[in-house]
Every structure is written in C-alpha cells, then in structure tokens.
Amino acid sequence: MHDRAILIVSFGTSCDGARERAIVAVERAVRDAFPRMTCRTAFTSGMIRRKLAARGTLIPGVTEALAALRGEGARRVLVLPTHLIYGEEYDKLRVEARAMCGAFDDITIAKPLLADYDDVRAVLAAIDYGVPRRDGEALVLMGHGTAHHSNYIYAAMNDYVRDIGPDGCYIGTVEAYPALDSVLARLAKDGRRSAVLTPLMLVAGEHAQNDMAGDGDDSWMSRLRAAGIEARAVVRGLGEYEAVRALYCEHARQALADA
C-alpha cells in the first residue's frame, strides 16, 4: 500500500456490461497512468450501490472508501470524479471528502470532466472522431440534465458548437433544458433529414439504451423518426473513448500538480 492514493468516484450504474466498458475502463486507464499510487473506486449513488449489493457486487460510497484508505495507511488522497459537471453529485462527494480531511495529511479534489471550454472542446472532438457520420447527417448528443444550477453547461455547449463546431452537432438532455423538443425544433429549422444519436454521458446505461435508442414511442430515436428524420444510434458512453480516458488522467495530473 502506497501512502498516496487516488479515489476514482463515479455516480455508478447497475448495467454490468456498460460499467465494464466505461467506468472500469477509466479506472484501468488511471491505474496505468499512476502505477506508484494506490487506486480505489467509489460510487455516489446509494440506489446503485444497493442494487449492486443485492447481486453480490459491493462498491463503497465516498466516506466508506476514504475510511478504508486511511485504514490501509494512505496519507494523501486525490479524489478524481468521473462526473461530467459541477452538479449535485459532485457537490455531495466534495462534502463527504472534506468531512474526512482530518484523517489525512491532504485530500485534493479534481475537477469534473466538463469543467471548462478546453474540456468541452476535447470531449466533443473525441465524440466527433469516434462517431463517423454520413453525408449531411446531424450528430445529436443526449445529456442527462439536472435541476442544479450547473445545468447551464448544456445550453452553453450548444452555443459553442454553433460558433466553433463540430458542425451539425445538437445537444439536449433527458431531464432538463434543452429538452428533446428544442433539439427537434433546431433540426427542423436547419433542414436536417438524418441524424445519429449518441450519449453525452460517462456510461451508456439505461438512459442511453432505453430513453435514447429504445423501441418505445417516447425514445429519442422514435421521436426523431416520427418527425421524418432518419435516425440511428451509437450506444457508447464517454468512458469508452480513449481520448476521454486520457482527459481524466490529465485532470488527475493537474490536480496533483496544484496540490
């Protein structure tokens, strides 16, 4: 056990395959990038942890994981969130981590994935490169959305892609603004007749599989088709892109350098 550790914190998912392809892939990349530091995992969602525990998979919360690290002899810890924005879950992990500060010489908390426009540019470039488009095909990204004030990032990203690119990119959210209706209105205004949908989420879990690409009448795929737009889906979480995993590692390096 090293006295320096990284706690990789995700919201979590109960979809085993999606968790392996995205969250575990990010964790593996961080471990490979920091071989001289102990790396551990935590999920902020109590609901997800309970679901997994009922199936025999035990993943701790932030407080429990930090206490375990302290018991193993860690003195300096970097908390690396895989969360996308400075939202409710990020706030929650920050409160829990700060409450444990007295147990360590230092606890540093890295920024979320989409913390600034350099991050936005890198993530959008990774998706644009990783999701090849046909001629004239729009790229529609489904974010989660939140009632938290940090939800402004999604509208700001739409402004960004209109001004800078990638061309033909449209961003909406499942649970907040901009909603799918806003995306549909912009697609119609721009005369788009075809689109590929993909998640703007770490994990391509239930939202991506059902709300985005599902067969139900209310899925984004079905709604686009009902509007006369030829639609297909690439069900791939952000953690599945090598460039995004590299960005998480860079966030860890920046936080360690600033500690």
C-alpha atoms as a PDB file:
ATOM      1  CA  MET A   1       0.000   0.000   0.000  1.00  0.00           C
ATOM      2  CA  HIS A   2       1.398   3.409  -1.001  1.00  0.00           C
ATOM      3  CA  ASP A   3       0.832   6.430   1.225  1.00  0.00           C
ATOM      4  CA  ARG A   4      -0.532   8.327  -1.809  1.00  0.00           C
ATOM      5  CA  ALA A   5      -3.844   7.197  -3.286  1.00  0.00           C
ATOM      6  CA  ILE A   6      -6.418   8.075  -5.918  1.00  0.00           C
ATOM      7  CA  LEU A   7     -10.098   7.537  -5.201  1.00  0.00           C
ATOM      8  CA  ILE A   8     -11.972   7.368  -8.515  1.00  0.00           C
ATOM      9  CA  VAL A   9     -15.568   8.409  -7.844  1.00  0.00           C
ATOM     10  CA  SER A  10     -18.474   7.791 -10.214  1.00  0.00           C
ATOM     11  CA  PHE A  11     -22.238   8.100  -9.912  1.00  0.00           C
ATOM     12  CA  GLY A  12     -22.386   4.421 -10.821  1.00  0.00           C
ATOM     13  CA  THR A  13     -24.529   2.129 -12.942  1.00  0.00           C
ATOM     14  CA  SER A  14     -26.223  -1.207 -12.401  1.00  0.00           C
ATOM     15  CA  CYS A  15     -25.670  -2.215 -16.056  1.00  0.00           C
ATOM     16  CA  ASP A  16     -22.743  -4.608 -15.741  1.00  0.00           C
ATOM     17  CA  GLY A  17     -21.546  -4.508 -19.360  1.00  0.00           C
ATOM     18  CA  ALA A  18     -21.792  -0.728 -19.592  1.00  0.00           C
ATOM     19  CA  ARG A  19     -19.957  -0.359 -16.276  1.00  0.00           C
ATOM     20  CA  GLU A  20     -17.129  -2.550 -17.522  1.00  0.00           C
ATOM     21  CA  ARG A  21     -16.812  -0.709 -20.845  1.00  0.00           C
ATOM     22  CA  ALA A  22     -16.860   2.801 -19.364  1.00  0.00           C
ATOM     23  CA  ILE A  23     -16.265   3.149 -15.608  1.00  0.00           C
ATOM     24  CA  VAL A  24     -13.883   0.202 -15.258  1.00  0.00           C
ATOM     25  CA  ALA A  25     -12.092   1.331 -18.435  1.00  0.00           C
ATOM     26  CA  VAL A  26     -11.496   4.776 -16.903  1.00  0.00           C
ATOM     27  CA  GLU A  27     -10.310   3.203 -13.652  1.00  0.00           C
ATOM     28  CA  ARG A  28      -7.913   0.966 -15.577  1.00  0.00           C
ATOM     29  CA  ALA A  29      -6.505   3.949 -17.505  1.00  0.00           C
ATOM     30  CA  VAL A  30      -5.910   5.864 -14.252  1.00  0.00           C
ATOM     31  CA  ARG A  31      -4.190   2.887 -12.642  1.00  0.00           C
ATOM     32  CA  ASP A  32      -1.936   2.511 -15.668  1.00  0.00           C
ATOM     33  CA  ALA A  33      -1.113   6.235 -15.651  1.00  0.00           C
ATOM     34  CA  PHE A  34      -0.276   6.314 -11.917  1.00  0.00           C
ATOM     35  CA  PRO A  35       1.345   2.949 -11.088  1.00  0.00           C
ATOM     36  CA  ARG A  36       3.010   4.279  -7.927  1.00  0.00           C
ATOM     37  CA  MET A  37      -0.307   5.333  -6.375  1.00  0.00           C
ATOM     38  CA  THR A  38      -2.955   3.092  -4.850  1.00  0.00           C
ATOM     39  CA  CYS A  39      -6.252   3.412  -6.786  1.00  0.00           C
ATOM     40  CA  ARG A  40      -9.666   2.659  -5.340  1.00  0.00           C
ATOM     41  CA  THR A  41     -13.284   3.072  -6.508  1.00  0.00           C
ATOM     42  CA  ALA A  42     -16.414   4.629  -5.009  1.00  0.00           C
ATOM     43  CA  PHE A  43     -19.955   5.356  -6.256  1.00  0.00           C
ATOM     44  CA  THR A  44     -22.001   8.333  -5.074  1.00  0.00           C
ATOM     45  CA  SER A  45     -25.407   6.782  -5.844  1.00  0.00           C
ATOM     46  CA  GLY A  46     -26.752   4.906  -2.859  1.00  0.00           C
ATOM     47  CA  MET A  47     -29.501   3.420  -5.025  1.00  0.00           C
ATOM     48  CA  ILE A  48     -26.949   1.949  -7.443  1.00  0.00           C
ATOM     49  CA  ARG A  49     -24.791   0.619  -4.610  1.00  0.00           C
ATOM     50  CA  ARG A  50     -27.821  -1.117  -3.070  1.00  0.00           C
ATOM     51  CA  LYS A  51     -28.802  -2.673  -6.410  1.00  0.00           C
ATOM     52  CA  LEU A  52     -25.295  -3.989  -6.927  1.00  0.00           C
ATOM     53  CA  ALA A  53     -25.019  -5.229  -3.343  1.00  0.00           C
ATOM     54  CA  ALA A  54     -28.196  -7.276  -3.806  1.00  0.00           C
ATOM     55  CA  ARG A  55     -26.396  -9.003  -6.696  1.00  0.00           C
ATOM     56  CA  GLY A  56     -23.232  -9.557  -4.682  1.00  0.00           C
ATOM     57  CA  THR A  57     -21.164  -6.628  -6.028  1.00  0.00           C
ATOM     58  CA  LEU A  58     -20.009  -4.382  -3.183  1.00  0.00           C
ATOM     59  CA  ILE A  59     -18.835  -0.866  -4.117  1.00  0.00           C
ATOM     60  CA  PRO A  60     -18.361   1.654  -1.297  1.00  0.00           C
ATOM     61  CA  GLY A  61     -19.521   5.229  -1.051  1.00  0.00           C
ATOM     62  CA  VAL A  62     -17.035   8.083  -0.718  1.00  0.00           C
ATOM     63  CA  THR A  63     -16.850   8.154   3.092  1.00  0.00           C
ATOM     64  CA  GLU A  64     -16.501   4.380   3.371  1.00  0.00           C
ATOM     65  CA  ALA A  65     -13.816   4.260   0.665  1.00  0.00           C
ATOM     66  CA  LEU A  66     -11.802   7.065   2.278  1.00  0.00           C
ATOM     67  CA  ALA A  67     -12.015   5.387   5.678  1.00  0.00           C
ATOM     68  CA  ALA A  68     -10.726   2.172   4.120  1.00  0.00           C
ATOM     69  CA  LEU A  69      -7.829   4.016   2.500  1.00  0.00           C
ATOM     70  CA  ARG A  70      -6.930   5.600   5.827  1.00  0.00           C
ATOM     71  CA  GLY A  71      -7.005   2.187   7.452  1.00  0.00           C
ATOM     72  CA  GLU A  72      -4.597   0.913   4.795  1.00  0.00           C
ATOM     73  CA  GLY A  73      -2.132   3.703   5.533  1.00  0.00           C
ATOM     74  CA  ALA A  74      -2.874   6.329   2.879  1.00  0.00           C
ATOM     75  CA  ARG A  75      -1.884   9.842   3.942  1.00  0.00           C
ATOM     76  CA  ARG A  76      -2.503  11.903   0.803  1.00  0.00           C
ATOM     77  CA  VAL A  77      -5.535  11.257  -1.414  1.00  0.00           C
ATOM     78  CA  LEU A  78      -6.650  12.607  -4.762  1.00  0.00           C
ATOM     79  CA  VAL A  79     -10.400  12.304  -5.287  1.00  0.00           C
ATOM     80  CA  LEU A  80     -10.940  12.008  -9.058  1.00  0.00           C
ATOM     81  CA  PRO A  81     -14.601  12.402 -10.045  1.00  0.00           C
ATOM     82  CA  THR A  82     -15.822  10.949 -13.308  1.00  0.00           C
ATOM     83  CA  HIS A  83     -18.898  13.197 -13.056  1.00  0.00           C
ATOM     84  CA  LEU A  84     -19.379  15.481 -16.049  1.00  0.00           C
ATOM     85  CA  ILE A  85     -20.302  18.760 -14.340  1.00  0.00           C
ATOM     86  CA  TYR A  86     -20.181  20.664 -11.053  1.00  0.00           C
ATOM     87  CA  GLY A  87     -23.618  19.290 -10.203  1.00  0.00           C
ATOM     88  CA  GLU A  88     -25.425  17.798  -7.230  1.00  0.00           C
ATOM     89  CA  GLU A  89     -23.411  14.563  -7.186  1.00  0.00           C
ATOM     90  CA  TYR A  90     -20.133  16.490  -7.401  1.00  0.00           C
ATOM     91  CA  ASP A  91     -21.267  18.709  -4.515  1.00  0.00           C
ATOM     92  CA  LYS A  92     -22.140  15.613  -2.490  1.00  0.00           C
ATOM     93  CA  LEU A  93     -18.765  13.957  -2.975  1.00  0.00           C
ATOM     94  CA  ARG A  94     -16.995  17.220  -2.117  1.00  0.00           C
ATOM     95  CA  VAL A  95     -18.881  17.497   1.186  1.00  0.00           C
ATOM     96  CA  GLU A  96     -18.076  13.887   2.079  1.00  0.00           C
ATOM     97  CA  ALA A  97     -14.416  14.237   1.131  1.00  0.00           C
ATOM     98  CA  ARG A  98     -13.955  17.451   3.095  1.00  0.00           C
ATOM     99  CA  ALA A  99     -15.535  15.837   6.153  1.00  0.00           C
ATOM    100  CA  MET A 100     -12.664  13.312   6.080  1.00  0.00           C
ATOM    101  CA  CYS A 101      -9.873  15.879   5.745  1.00  0.00           C
ATOM    102  CA  GLY A 102      -8.818  15.477   9.378  1.00  0.00           C
ATOM    103  CA  ALA A 103      -7.923  11.838   8.775  1.00  0.00           C
ATOM    104  CA  PHE A 104      -5.315  12.649   6.103  1.00  0.00           C
ATOM    105  CA  ASP A 105      -2.387  14.968   5.530  1.00  0.00           C
ATOM    106  CA  ASP A 106      -4.119  16.134   2.356  1.00  0.00           C
ATOM    107  CA  ILE A 107      -7.237  15.474   0.293  1.00  0.00           C
ATOM    108  CA  THR A 108      -7.371  17.068  -3.158  1.00  0.00           C
ATOM    109  CA  ILE A 109     -10.491  17.002  -5.329  1.00  0.00           C
ATOM    110  CA  ALA A 110     -10.043  17.128  -9.107  1.00  0.00           C
ATOM    111  CA  LYS A 111     -12.431  18.964 -11.398  1.00  0.00           C
ATOM    112  CA  PRO A 112     -15.276  17.245 -13.297  1.00  0.00           C
ATOM    113  CA  LEU A 113     -14.946  16.236 -16.921  1.00  0.00           C
ATOM    114  CA  LEU A 114     -16.576  19.316 -18.478  1.00  0.00           C
ATOM    115  CA  ALA A 115     -15.056  21.942 -16.204  1.00  0.00           C
ATOM    116  CA  ASP A 116     -14.021  24.463 -18.883  1.00  0.00           C
ATOM    117  CA  TYR A 117     -14.076  25.074 -22.616  1.00  0.00           C
ATOM    118  CA  ASP A 118     -10.813  23.220 -23.197  1.00  0.00           C
ATOM    119  CA  ASP A 119     -12.516  20.160 -21.713  1.00  0.00           C
ATOM    120  CA  VAL A 120     -15.640  20.754 -23.808  1.00  0.00           C
ATOM    121  CA  ARG A 121     -13.524  21.017 -26.950  1.00  0.00           C
ATOM    122  CA  ALA A 122     -11.646  17.799 -26.163  1.00  0.00           C
ATOM    123  CA  VAL A 123     -14.774  15.773 -25.370  1.00  0.00           C
ATOM    124  CA  LEU A 124     -16.697  16.987 -28.422  1.00  0.00           C
ATOM    125  CA  ALA A 125     -13.688  16.232 -30.623  1.00  0.00           C
ATOM    126  CA  ALA A 126     -13.493  12.700 -29.181  1.00  0.00           C
ATOM    127  CA  ILE A 127     -17.173  12.070 -29.963  1.00  0.00           C
ATOM    128  CA  ASP A 128     -16.981  13.647 -33.414  1.00  0.00           C
ATOM    129  CA  TYR A 129     -13.976  11.476 -34.277  1.00  0.00           C
ATOM    130  CA  GLY A 130     -15.406   8.337 -32.690  1.00  0.00           C
ATOM    131  CA  VAL A 131     -18.856   8.532 -34.298  1.00  0.00           C
ATOM    132  CA  PRO A 132     -18.356   8.698 -38.075  1.00  0.00           C
ATOM    133  CA  ARG A 133     -21.217  10.446 -39.864  1.00  0.00           C
ATOM    134  CA  ARG A 134     -22.745  10.029 -43.269  1.00  0.00           C
ATOM    135  CA  ASP A 135     -23.084  12.985 -45.636  1.00  0.00           C
ATOM    136  CA  GLY A 136     -25.464  15.572 -44.192  1.00  0.00           C
ATOM    137  CA  GLU A 137     -26.086  13.584 -41.012  1.00  0.00           C
ATOM    138  CA  ALA A 138     -26.547  15.553 -37.793  1.00  0.00           C
ATOM    139  CA  LEU A 139     -24.892  14.496 -34.534  1.00  0.00           C
ATOM    140  CA  VAL A 140     -27.355  14.564 -31.619  1.00  0.00           C
ATOM    141  CA  LEU A 141     -25.934  14.201 -28.115  1.00  0.00           C
ATOM    142  CA  MET A 142     -28.138  13.145 -25.212  1.00  0.00           C
ATOM    143  CA  GLY A 143     -27.030  14.543 -21.849  1.00  0.00           C
ATOM    144  CA  HIS A 144     -28.639  13.753 -18.519  1.00  0.00           C
ATOM    145  CA  GLY A 145     -29.588  17.224 -17.328  1.00  0.00           C
ATOM    146  CA  THR A 146     -30.227  18.405 -13.784  1.00  0.00           C
ATOM    147  CA  ALA A 147     -32.274  20.879 -11.748  1.00  0.00           C
ATOM    148  CA  HIS A 148     -28.937  22.056 -10.283  1.00  0.00           C
ATOM    149  CA  HIS A 149     -27.754  25.485 -11.452  1.00  0.00           C
ATOM    150  CA  SER A 150     -24.838  23.816 -13.236  1.00  0.00           C
ATOM    151  CA  ASN A 151     -27.242  22.657 -15.960  1.00  0.00           C
ATOM    152  CA  TYR A 152     -26.349  25.843 -17.885  1.00  0.00           C
ATOM    153  CA  ILE A 153     -23.366  23.943 -19.337  1.00  0.00           C
ATOM    154  CA  TYR A 154     -25.609  22.132 -21.833  1.00  0.00           C
ATOM    155  CA  ALA A 155     -27.005  25.343 -23.314  1.00  0.00           C
ATOM    156  CA  ALA A 156     -23.501  26.814 -23.309  1.00  0.00           C
ATOM    157  CA  MET A 157     -22.261  23.778 -25.229  1.00  0.00           C
ATOM    158  CA  ASN A 158     -24.948  24.314 -27.854  1.00  0.00           C
ATOM    159  CA  ASP A 159     -23.741  27.899 -28.263  1.00  0.00           C
ATOM    160  CA  TYR A 160     -20.191  26.596 -28.523  1.00  0.00           C
ATOM    161  CA  VAL A 161     -20.925  24.097 -31.281  1.00  0.00           C
ATOM    162  CA  ARG A 162     -22.896  26.680 -33.262  1.00  0.00           C
ATOM    163  CA  ASP A 163     -19.929  29.058 -33.174  1.00  0.00           C
ATOM    164  CA  ILE A 164     -16.960  26.678 -33.275  1.00  0.00           C
ATOM    165  CA  GLY A 165     -18.161  23.167 -34.090  1.00  0.00           C
ATOM    166  CA  PRO A 166     -18.306  20.346 -34.675  1.00  0.00           C
ATOM    167  CA  ASP A 167     -20.680  21.304 -37.480  1.00  0.00           C
ATOM    168  CA  GLY A 168     -24.150  19.824 -37.316  1.00  0.00           C
ATOM    169  CA  CYS A 169     -23.974  18.950 -33.615  1.00  0.00           C
ATOM    170  CA  TYR A 170     -27.053  19.325 -31.384  1.00  0.00           C
ATOM    171  CA  ILE A 171     -27.170  18.796 -27.612  1.00  0.00           C
ATOM    172  CA  GLY A 172     -30.197  18.017 -25.485  1.00  0.00           C
ATOM    173  CA  THR A 173     -30.934  16.499 -22.087  1.00  0.00           C
ATOM    174  CA  VAL A 174     -33.287  13.877 -20.695  1.00  0.00           C
ATOM    175  CA  GLU A 175     -34.328  15.735 -17.556  1.00  0.00           C
ATOM    176  CA  ALA A 176     -33.798  19.464 -18.085  1.00  0.00           C
ATOM    177  CA  TYR A 177     -33.146  22.183 -20.676  1.00  0.00           C
ATOM    178  CA  PRO A 178     -32.522  21.925 -23.560  1.00  0.00           C
ATOM    179  CA  ALA A 179     -35.079  19.149 -23.923  1.00  0.00           C
ATOM    180  CA  LEU A 180     -35.668  16.976 -26.972  1.00  0.00           C
ATOM    181  CA  ASP A 181     -38.346  19.372 -28.239  1.00  0.00           C
ATOM    182  CA  SER A 182     -35.679  22.081 -28.510  1.00  0.00           C
ATOM    183  CA  VAL A 183     -33.405  19.725 -30.427  1.00  0.00           C
ATOM    184  CA  LEU A 184     -36.216  18.735 -32.798  1.00  0.00           C
ATOM    185  CA  ALA A 185     -37.057  22.392 -33.452  1.00  0.00           C
ATOM    186  CA  ARG A 186     -33.430  23.176 -34.326  1.00  0.00           C
ATOM    187  CA  LEU A 187     -33.118  20.113 -36.550  1.00  0.00           C
ATOM    188  CA  ALA A 188     -36.267  21.177 -38.430  1.00  0.00           C
ATOM    189  CA  LYS A 189     -35.093  24.792 -38.709  1.00  0.00           C
ATOM    190  CA  ASP A 190     -31.773  23.637 -40.160  1.00  0.00           C
ATOM    191  CA  GLY A 191     -33.459  21.252 -42.597  1.00  0.00           C
ATOM    192  CA  ARG A 192     -31.795  18.144 -41.205  1.00  0.00           C
ATOM    193  CA  ARG A 193     -33.217  14.909 -42.596  1.00  0.00           C
ATOM    194  CA  SER A 194     -30.926  12.376 -40.902  1.00  0.00           C
ATOM    195  CA  ALA A 195     -29.175  12.113 -37.540  1.00  0.00           C
ATOM    196  CA  VAL A 196     -27.048   9.815 -35.421  1.00  0.00           C
ATOM    197  CA  LEU A 197     -27.735   9.840 -31.686  1.00  0.00           C
ATOM    198  CA  THR A 198     -25.141   9.106 -29.033  1.00  0.00           C
ATOM    199  CA  PRO A 199     -24.925   9.700 -25.258  1.00  0.00           C
ATOM    200  CA  LEU A 200     -23.190  12.651 -23.631  1.00  0.00           C
ATOM    201  CA  MET A 201     -22.843  10.507 -20.523  1.00  0.00           C
ATOM    202  CA  LEU A 202     -19.976   8.580 -18.980  1.00  0.00           C
ATOM    203  CA  VAL A 203     -21.886   5.294 -19.210  1.00  0.00           C
ATOM    204  CA  ALA A 204     -24.248   4.101 -21.940  1.00  0.00           C
ATOM    205  CA  GLY A 205     -26.658   2.687 -19.374  1.00  0.00           C
ATOM    206  CA  GLU A 206     -30.441   2.675 -19.124  1.00  0.00           C
ATOM    207  CA  HIS A 207     -30.910   6.241 -20.368  1.00  0.00           C
ATOM    208  CA  ALA A 208     -28.886   5.545 -23.498  1.00  0.00           C
ATOM    209  CA  GLN A 209     -30.314   2.094 -24.120  1.00  0.00           C
ATOM    210  CA  ASN A 210     -33.958   2.974 -23.449  1.00  0.00           C
ATOM    211  CA  ASP A 211     -34.600   6.740 -23.459  1.00  0.00           C
ATOM    212  CA  MET A 212     -32.299   7.356 -26.421  1.00  0.00           C
ATOM    213  CA  ALA A 213     -32.185   4.212 -28.550  1.00  0.00           C
ATOM    214  CA  GLY A 214     -35.172   2.212 -27.296  1.00  0.00           C
ATOM    215  CA  ASP A 215     -38.132   0.984 -29.323  1.00  0.00           C
ATOM    216  CA  GLY A 216     -40.729   2.863 -27.268  1.00  0.00           C
ATOM    217  CA  ASP A 217     -42.709   5.704 -28.813  1.00  0.00           C
ATOM    218  CA  ASP A 218     -41.125   8.228 -26.415  1.00  0.00           C
ATOM    219  CA  SER A 219     -37.495   7.348 -27.086  1.00  0.00           C
ATOM    220  CA  TRP A 220     -35.387   9.964 -28.837  1.00  0.00           C
ATOM    221  CA  MET A 221     -34.887   7.596 -31.762  1.00  0.00           C
ATOM    222  CA  SER A 222     -38.630   7.122 -32.189  1.00  0.00           C
ATOM    223  CA  ARG A 223     -39.372  10.829 -31.779  1.00  0.00           C
ATOM    224  CA  LEU A 224     -36.853  11.772 -34.481  1.00  0.00           C
ATOM    225  CA  ARG A 225     -38.269   9.166 -36.839  1.00  0.00           C
ATOM    226  CA  ALA A 226     -41.804  10.366 -36.153  1.00  0.00           C
ATOM    227  CA  ALA A 227     -40.627  13.852 -37.149  1.00  0.00           C
ATOM    228  CA  GLY A 228     -39.469  12.495 -40.507  1.00  0.00           C
ATOM    229  CA  ILE A 229     -35.778  12.306 -39.628  1.00  0.00           C
ATOM    230  CA  GLU A 230     -33.860   9.167 -40.493  1.00  0.00           C
ATOM    231  CA  ALA A 231     -32.238   8.213 -37.188  1.00  0.00           C
ATOM    232  CA  ARG A 232     -29.730   5.689 -35.922  1.00  0.00           C
ATOM    233  CA  ALA A 233     -27.900   5.359 -32.611  1.00  0.00           C
ATOM    234  CA  VAL A 234     -24.367   4.709 -31.423  1.00  0.00           C
ATOM    235  CA  VAL A 235     -24.755   3.482 -27.842  1.00  0.00           C
ATOM    236  CA  ARG A 236     -21.314   4.305 -26.485  1.00  0.00           C
ATOM    237  CA  GLY A 237     -20.540   6.024 -23.199  1.00  0.00           C
ATOM    238  CA  LEU A 238     -17.832   8.672 -22.892  1.00  0.00           C
ATOM    239  CA  GLY A 239     -15.673   6.319 -20.847  1.00  0.00           C
ATOM    240  CA  GLU A 240     -15.343   4.129 -23.930  1.00  0.00           C
ATOM    241  CA  TYR A 241     -13.370   6.803 -25.811  1.00  0.00           C
ATOM    242  CA  GLU A 242      -9.614   6.639 -25.357  1.00  0.00           C
ATOM    243  CA  ALA A 243      -9.305  10.434 -25.619  1.00  0.00           C
ATOM    244  CA  VAL A 244     -11.826  10.921 -22.802  1.00  0.00           C
ATOM    245  CA  ARG A 245      -9.993   8.454 -20.576  1.00  0.00           C
ATOM    246  CA  ALA A 246      -6.801  10.382 -21.307  1.00  0.00           C
ATOM    247  CA  LEU A 247      -8.570  13.603 -20.275  1.00  0.00           C
ATOM    248  CA  TYR A 248      -9.493  12.118 -16.896  1.00  0.00           C
ATOM    249  CA  CYS A 249      -5.845  11.203 -16.403  1.00  0.00           C
ATOM    250  CA  GLU A 250      -4.830  14.742 -17.331  1.00  0.00           C
ATOM    251  CA  HIS A 251      -7.276  16.128 -14.774  1.00  0.00           C
ATOM    252  CA  ALA A 252      -5.608  13.921 -12.182  1.00  0.00           C
ATOM    253  CA  ARG A 253      -2.153  15.207 -13.169  1.00  0.00           C
ATOM    254  CA  GLN A 254      -3.337  18.820 -12.967  1.00  0.00           C
ATOM    255  CA  ALA A 255      -4.870  18.314  -9.541  1.00  0.00           C
ATOM    256  CA  LEU A 256      -1.753  16.591  -8.206  1.00  0.00           C
ATOM    257  CA  ALA A 257       0.441  19.367  -9.585  1.00  0.00           C
ATOM    258  CA  ASP A 258      -1.722  22.013  -7.903  1.00  0.00           C
ATOM    259  CA  ALA A 259      -1.949  20.200  -4.561  1.00  0.00           C
END
